[in-house]
Amino acid sequence: MKGHVRKRSDKWCFVLDLGKDETTGKRQQKWFSGFTTKKEAEKAMAEKIVLVRKQKNECT
């Protein structure tokens, strides 16, 4: 799973690339915003990646 952090106006956000939708073939992304620092957004992104990977493993 990939993700990246970017600055939007005075706040930081990150986006996770969740892969392709099996039925439509379209790319799935999820945005998370409202972080005051880049480091805060990076930490939240790392935690979210771990959480999403755990959820995917439980489903399979």
PDB file of N, CA and C in Angstrom:
ATOM      1  N   MET A   1       0.844  -1.164   0.000  1.00  0.00           N
ATOM      2  CA  MET A   1       0.000   0.000   0.000  1.00  0.00           C
ATOM      3  C   MET A   1       0.894   1.233   0.000  1.00  0.00           C
ATOM      4  N   LYS A   2       0.473   2.202  -0.786  1.00  0.00           N
ATOM      5  CA  LYS A   2       1.256   3.416  -0.898  1.00  0.00           C
ATOM      6  C   LYS A   2       0.444   4.596  -0.383  1.00  0.00           C
ATOM      7  N   GLY A   3       1.165   5.629  -0.032  1.00  0.00           N
ATOM      8  CA  GLY A   3       0.537   6.866   0.401  1.00  0.00           C
ATOM      9  C   GLY A   3       1.523   8.006   0.267  1.00  0.00           C
ATOM     10  N   HIS A   4       0.991   9.220   0.263  1.00  0.00           N
ATOM     11  CA  HIS A   4       1.878  10.368   0.252  1.00  0.00           C
ATOM     12  C   HIS A   4       1.268  11.516   1.037  1.00  0.00           C
ATOM     13  N   VAL A   5       2.148  12.394   1.495  1.00  0.00           N
ATOM     14  CA  VAL A   5       1.772  13.546   2.305  1.00  0.00           C
ATOM     15  C   VAL A   5       1.937  14.797   1.468  1.00  0.00           C
ATOM     16  N   ARG A   6       0.998  15.740   1.617  1.00  0.00           N
ATOM     17  CA  ARG A   6       1.131  17.006   0.913  1.00  0.00           C
ATOM     18  C   ARG A   6       0.524  18.127   1.735  1.00  0.00           C
ATOM     19  N   LYS A   7       0.920  19.347   1.406  1.00  0.00           N
ATOM     20  CA  LYS A   7       0.411  20.516   2.095  1.00  0.00           C
ATOM     21  C   LYS A   7      -0.695  21.139   1.260  1.00  0.00           C
ATOM     22  N   ARG A   8      -1.806  21.434   1.911  1.00  0.00           N
ATOM     23  CA  ARG A   8      -2.930  22.109   1.254  1.00  0.00           C
ATOM     24  C   ARG A   8      -3.252  23.342   2.089  1.00  0.00           C
ATOM     25  N   SER A   9      -2.996  24.496   1.538  1.00  0.00           N
ATOM     26  CA  SER A   9      -3.063  25.799   2.188  1.00  0.00           C
ATOM     27  C   SER A   9      -2.198  25.773   3.445  1.00  0.00           C
ATOM     28  N   ASP A  10      -2.750  25.910   4.645  1.00  0.00           N
ATOM     29  CA  ASP A  10      -1.905  25.935   5.842  1.00  0.00           C
ATOM     30  C   ASP A  10      -1.939  24.623   6.622  1.00  0.00           C
ATOM     31  N   LYS A  11      -2.613  23.602   6.113  1.00  0.00           N
ATOM     32  CA  LYS A  11      -2.702  22.302   6.771  1.00  0.00           C
ATOM     33  C   LYS A  11      -2.035  21.216   5.939  1.00  0.00           C
ATOM     34  N   TRP A  12      -1.760  20.082   6.573  1.00  0.00           N
ATOM     35  CA  TRP A  12      -1.165  18.927   5.900  1.00  0.00           C
ATOM     36  C   TRP A  12      -2.198  17.822   5.783  1.00  0.00           C
ATOM     37  N   CYS A  13      -2.082  17.016   4.744  1.00  0.00           N
ATOM     38  CA  CYS A  13      -2.981  15.889   4.549  1.00  0.00           C
ATOM     39  C   CYS A  13      -2.195  14.733   3.947  1.00  0.00           C
ATOM     40  N   PHE A  14      -2.834  13.558   3.926  1.00  0.00           N
ATOM     41  CA  PHE A  14      -2.228  12.429   3.243  1.00  0.00           C
ATOM     42  C   PHE A  14      -3.304  11.660   2.513  1.00  0.00           C
ATOM     43  N   VAL A  15      -2.873  10.935   1.501  1.00  0.00           N
ATOM     44  CA  VAL A  15      -3.790  10.121   0.706  1.00  0.00           C
ATOM     45  C   VAL A  15      -3.226   8.710   0.639  1.00  0.00           C
ATOM     46  N   LEU A  16      -4.102   7.723   0.785  1.00  0.00           N
ATOM     47  CA  LEU A  16      -3.707   6.322   0.664  1.00  0.00           C
ATOM     48  C   LEU A  16      -4.247   5.764  -0.634  1.00  0.00           C
ATOM     49  N   ASP A  17      -3.421   5.040  -1.341  1.00  0.00           N
ATOM     50  CA  ASP A  17      -3.836   4.351  -2.557  1.00  0.00           C
ATOM     51  C   ASP A  17      -4.238   2.940  -2.145  1.00  0.00           C
ATOM     52  N   LEU A  18      -5.524   2.638  -2.218  1.00  0.00           N
ATOM     53  CA  LEU A  18      -6.052   1.364  -1.740  1.00  0.00           C
ATOM     54  C   LEU A  18      -6.109   0.286  -2.807  1.00  0.00           C
ATOM     55  N   GLY A  19      -5.631   0.577  -3.999  1.00  0.00           N
ATOM     56  CA  GLY A  19      -5.663  -0.396  -5.079  1.00  0.00           C
ATOM     57  C   GLY A  19      -6.857  -0.160  -5.984  1.00  0.00           C
ATOM     58  N   LYS A  20      -7.178  -1.164  -6.791  1.00  0.00           N
ATOM     59  CA  LYS A  20      -8.282  -1.032  -7.740  1.00  0.00           C
ATOM     60  C   LYS A  20      -9.534  -1.714  -7.218  1.00  0.00           C
ATOM     61  N   ASP A  21     -10.666  -1.128  -7.544  1.00  0.00           N
ATOM     62  CA  ASP A  21     -11.954  -1.737  -7.242  1.00  0.00           C
ATOM     63  C   ASP A  21     -12.119  -2.956  -8.154  1.00  0.00           C
ATOM     64  N   GLU A  22     -12.455  -4.088  -7.577  1.00  0.00           N
ATOM     65  CA  GLU A  22     -12.551  -5.326  -8.351  1.00  0.00           C
ATOM     66  C   GLU A  22     -13.678  -5.296  -9.376  1.00  0.00           C
ATOM     67  N   THR A  23     -14.750  -4.616  -9.068  1.00  0.00           N
ATOM     68  CA  THR A  23     -15.896  -4.618  -9.981  1.00  0.00           C
ATOM     69  C   THR A  23     -15.759  -3.588 -11.096  1.00  0.00           C
ATOM     70  N   THR A  24     -15.265  -2.380 -10.771  1.00  0.00           N
ATOM     71  CA  THR A  24     -15.192  -1.322 -11.782  1.00  0.00           C
ATOM     72  C   THR A  24     -13.811  -1.172 -12.394  1.00  0.00           C
ATOM     73  N   GLY A  25     -12.784  -1.620 -11.690  1.00  0.00           N
ATOM     74  CA  GLY A  25     -11.417  -1.460 -12.164  1.00  0.00           C
ATOM     75  C   GLY A  25     -10.844  -0.074 -11.913  1.00  0.00           C
ATOM     76  N   LYS A  26     -11.612   0.780 -11.215  1.00  0.00           N
ATOM     77  CA  LYS A  26     -11.156   2.140 -10.937  1.00  0.00           C
ATOM     78  C   LYS A  26     -10.243   2.171  -9.716  1.00  0.00           C
ATOM     79  N   ARG A  27      -9.336   3.127  -9.723  1.00  0.00           N
ATOM     80  CA  ARG A  27      -8.406   3.337  -8.623  1.00  0.00           C
ATOM     81  C   ARG A  27      -9.166   3.846  -7.397  1.00  0.00           C
ATOM     82  N   GLN A  28      -8.841   3.295  -6.229  1.00  0.00           N
ATOM     83  CA  GLN A  28      -9.459   3.728  -4.980  1.00  0.00           C
ATOM     84  C   GLN A  28      -8.449   4.492  -4.152  1.00  0.00           C
ATOM     85  N   GLN A  29      -8.844   5.674  -3.693  1.00  0.00           N
ATOM     86  CA  GLN A  29      -8.003   6.488  -2.836  1.00  0.00           C
ATOM     87  C   GLN A  29      -8.822   6.980  -1.650  1.00  0.00           C
ATOM     88  N   LYS A  30      -8.152   7.209  -0.533  1.00  0.00           N
ATOM     89  CA  LYS A  30      -8.808   7.747   0.650  1.00  0.00           C
ATOM     90  C   LYS A  30      -7.954   8.888   1.185  1.00  0.00           C
ATOM     91  N   TRP A  31      -8.568  10.073   1.346  1.00  0.00           N
ATOM     92  CA  TRP A  31      -7.877  11.270   1.829  1.00  0.00           C
ATOM     93  C   TRP A  31      -8.157  11.490   3.310  1.00  0.00           C
ATOM     94  N   PHE A  32      -7.134  11.949   4.031  1.00  0.00           N
ATOM     95  CA  PHE A  32      -7.239  12.309   5.438  1.00  0.00           C
ATOM     96  C   PHE A  32      -6.564  13.669   5.597  1.00  0.00           C
ATOM     97  N   SER A  33      -7.245  14.629   6.202  1.00  0.00           N
ATOM     98  CA  SER A  33      -6.685  15.978   6.258  1.00  0.00           C
ATOM     99  C   SER A  33      -6.872  16.608   7.633  1.00  0.00           C
ATOM    100  N   GLY A  34      -6.280  17.809   7.775  1.00  0.00           N
ATOM    101  CA  GLY A  34      -6.438  18.579   8.999  1.00  0.00           C
ATOM    102  C   GLY A  34      -5.264  18.496   9.950  1.00  0.00           C
ATOM    103  N   PHE A  35      -4.113  18.064   9.488  1.00  0.00           N
ATOM    104  CA  PHE A  35      -2.937  17.944  10.350  1.00  0.00           C
ATOM    105  C   PHE A  35      -2.150  19.259  10.340  1.00  0.00           C
ATOM    106  N   THR A  36      -1.632  19.653  11.495  1.00  0.00           N
ATOM    107  CA  THR A  36      -0.939  20.939  11.581  1.00  0.00           C
ATOM    108  C   THR A  36       0.516  20.867  11.136  1.00  0.00           C
ATOM    109  N   THR A  37       1.119  19.683  11.242  1.00  0.00           N
ATOM    110  CA  THR A  37       2.521  19.539  10.826  1.00  0.00           C
ATOM    111  C   THR A  37       2.678  18.349   9.886  1.00  0.00           C
ATOM    112  N   LYS A  38       3.743  18.374   9.115  1.00  0.00           N
ATOM    113  CA  LYS A  38       4.035  17.274   8.201  1.00  0.00           C
ATOM    114  C   LYS A  38       4.319  15.997   8.981  1.00  0.00           C
ATOM    115  N   LYS A  39       5.063  16.133  10.058  1.00  0.00           N
ATOM    116  CA  LYS A  39       5.417  14.971  10.879  1.00  0.00           C
ATOM    117  C   LYS A  39       4.164  14.303  11.460  1.00  0.00           C
ATOM    118  N   GLU A  40       3.207  15.105  11.879  1.00  0.00           N
ATOM    119  CA  GLU A  40       1.943  14.587  12.408  1.00  0.00           C
ATOM    120  C   GLU A  40       1.184  13.806  11.331  1.00  0.00           C
ATOM    121  N   ALA A  41       1.155  14.334  10.124  1.00  0.00           N
ATOM    122  CA  ALA A  41       0.474  13.659   9.014  1.00  0.00           C
ATOM    123  C   ALA A  41       1.187  12.357   8.647  1.00  0.00           C
ATOM    124  N   GLU A  42       2.517  12.365   8.644  1.00  0.00           N
ATOM    125  CA  GLU A  42       3.286  11.156   8.330  1.00  0.00           C
ATOM    126  C   GLU A  42       3.034  10.062   9.359  1.00  0.00           C
ATOM    127  N   LYS A  43       2.976  10.439  10.627  1.00  0.00           N
ATOM    128  CA  LYS A  43       2.736   9.467  11.691  1.00  0.00           C
ATOM    129  C   LYS A  43       1.339   8.863  11.553  1.00  0.00           C
ATOM    130  N   ALA A  44       0.345   9.704  11.295  1.00  0.00           N
ATOM    131  CA  ALA A  44      -1.025   9.221  11.131  1.00  0.00           C
ATOM    132  C   ALA A  44      -1.132   8.313   9.911  1.00  0.00           C
ATOM    133  N   MET A  45      -0.411   8.643   8.840  1.00  0.00           N
ATOM    134  CA  MET A  45      -0.438   7.817   7.635  1.00  0.00           C
ATOM    135  C   MET A  45       0.138   6.434   7.928  1.00  0.00           C
ATOM    136  N   ALA A  46       1.253   6.371   8.636  1.00  0.00           N
ATOM    137  CA  ALA A  46       1.871   5.086   8.973  1.00  0.00           C
ATOM    138  C   ALA A  46       0.915   4.242   9.816  1.00  0.00           C
ATOM    139  N   GLU A  47       0.245   4.873  10.788  1.00  0.00           N
ATOM    140  CA  GLU A  47      -0.702   4.146  11.628  1.00  0.00           C
ATOM    141  C   GLU A  47      -1.890   3.638  10.815  1.00  0.00           C
ATOM    142  N   LYS A  48      -2.380   4.448   9.894  1.00  0.00           N
ATOM    143  CA  LYS A  48      -3.527   4.065   9.068  1.00  0.00           C
ATOM    144  C   LYS A  48      -3.170   2.920   8.127  1.00  0.00           C
ATOM    145  N   ILE A  49      -1.957   2.933   7.588  1.00  0.00           N
ATOM    146  CA  ILE A  49      -1.513   1.849   6.710  1.00  0.00           C
ATOM    147  C   ILE A  49      -1.506   0.525   7.469  1.00  0.00           C
ATOM    148  N   VAL A  50      -0.994   0.537   8.689  1.00  0.00           N
ATOM    149  CA  VAL A  50      -0.975  -0.677   9.512  1.00  0.00           C
ATOM    150  C   VAL A  50      -2.401  -1.156   9.771  1.00  0.00           C
ATOM    151  N   LEU A  51      -3.299  -0.243  10.099  1.00  0.00           N
ATOM    152  CA  LEU A  51      -4.685  -0.595  10.378  1.00  0.00           C
ATOM    153  C   LEU A  51      -5.375  -1.205   9.156  1.00  0.00           C
ATOM    154  N   VAL A  52      -5.185  -0.605   7.996  1.00  0.00           N
ATOM    155  CA  VAL A  52      -5.823  -1.101   6.778  1.00  0.00           C
ATOM    156  C   VAL A  52      -5.258  -2.465   6.393  1.00  0.00           C
ATOM    157  N   ARG A  53      -3.960  -2.662   6.562  1.00  0.00           N
ATOM    158  CA  ARG A  53      -3.366  -3.976   6.252  1.00  0.00           C
ATOM    159  C   ARG A  53      -3.930  -5.054   7.177  1.00  0.00           C
ATOM    160  N   LYS A  54      -4.119  -4.734   8.457  1.00  0.00           N
ATOM    161  CA  LYS A  54      -4.694  -5.704   9.389  1.00  0.00           C
ATOM    162  C   LYS A  54      -6.105  -6.067   8.969  1.00  0.00           C
ATOM    163  N   GLN A  55      -6.896  -5.060   8.562  1.00  0.00           N
ATOM    164  CA  GLN A  55      -8.273  -5.308   8.144  1.00  0.00           C
ATOM    165  C   GLN A  55      -8.319  -6.177   6.904  1.00  0.00           C
ATOM    166  N   LYS A  56      -7.415  -5.941   5.946  1.00  0.00           N
ATOM    167  CA  LYS A  56      -7.387  -6.752   4.739  1.00  0.00           C
ATOM    168  C   LYS A  56      -7.007  -8.184   5.043  1.00  0.00           C
ATOM    169  N   ASN A  57      -6.083  -8.389   5.985  1.00  0.00           N
ATOM    170  CA  ASN A  57      -5.669  -9.747   6.352  1.00  0.00           C
ATOM    171  C   ASN A  57      -6.784 -10.495   7.059  1.00  0.00           C
ATOM    172  N   GLU A  58      -7.616  -9.795   7.822  1.00  0.00           N
ATOM    173  CA  GLU A  58      -8.724 -10.444   8.521  1.00  0.00           C
ATOM    174  C   GLU A  58      -9.805 -10.879   7.535  1.00  0.00           C
ATOM    175  N   CYS A  59      -9.939 -10.143   6.441  1.00  0.00           N
ATOM    176  CA  CYS A  59     -10.974 -10.456   5.447  1.00  0.00           C
ATOM    177  C   CYS A  59     -10.600 -11.660   4.599  1.00  0.00           C
ATOM    178  N   THR A  60      -9.318 -11.954   4.451  1.00  0.00           N
ATOM    179  CA  THR A  60      -8.901 -13.069   3.605  1.00  0.00           C
ATOM    180  C   THR A  60      -8.705 -14.339   4.357  1.00  0.00           C
TER     181      THR A  60
END
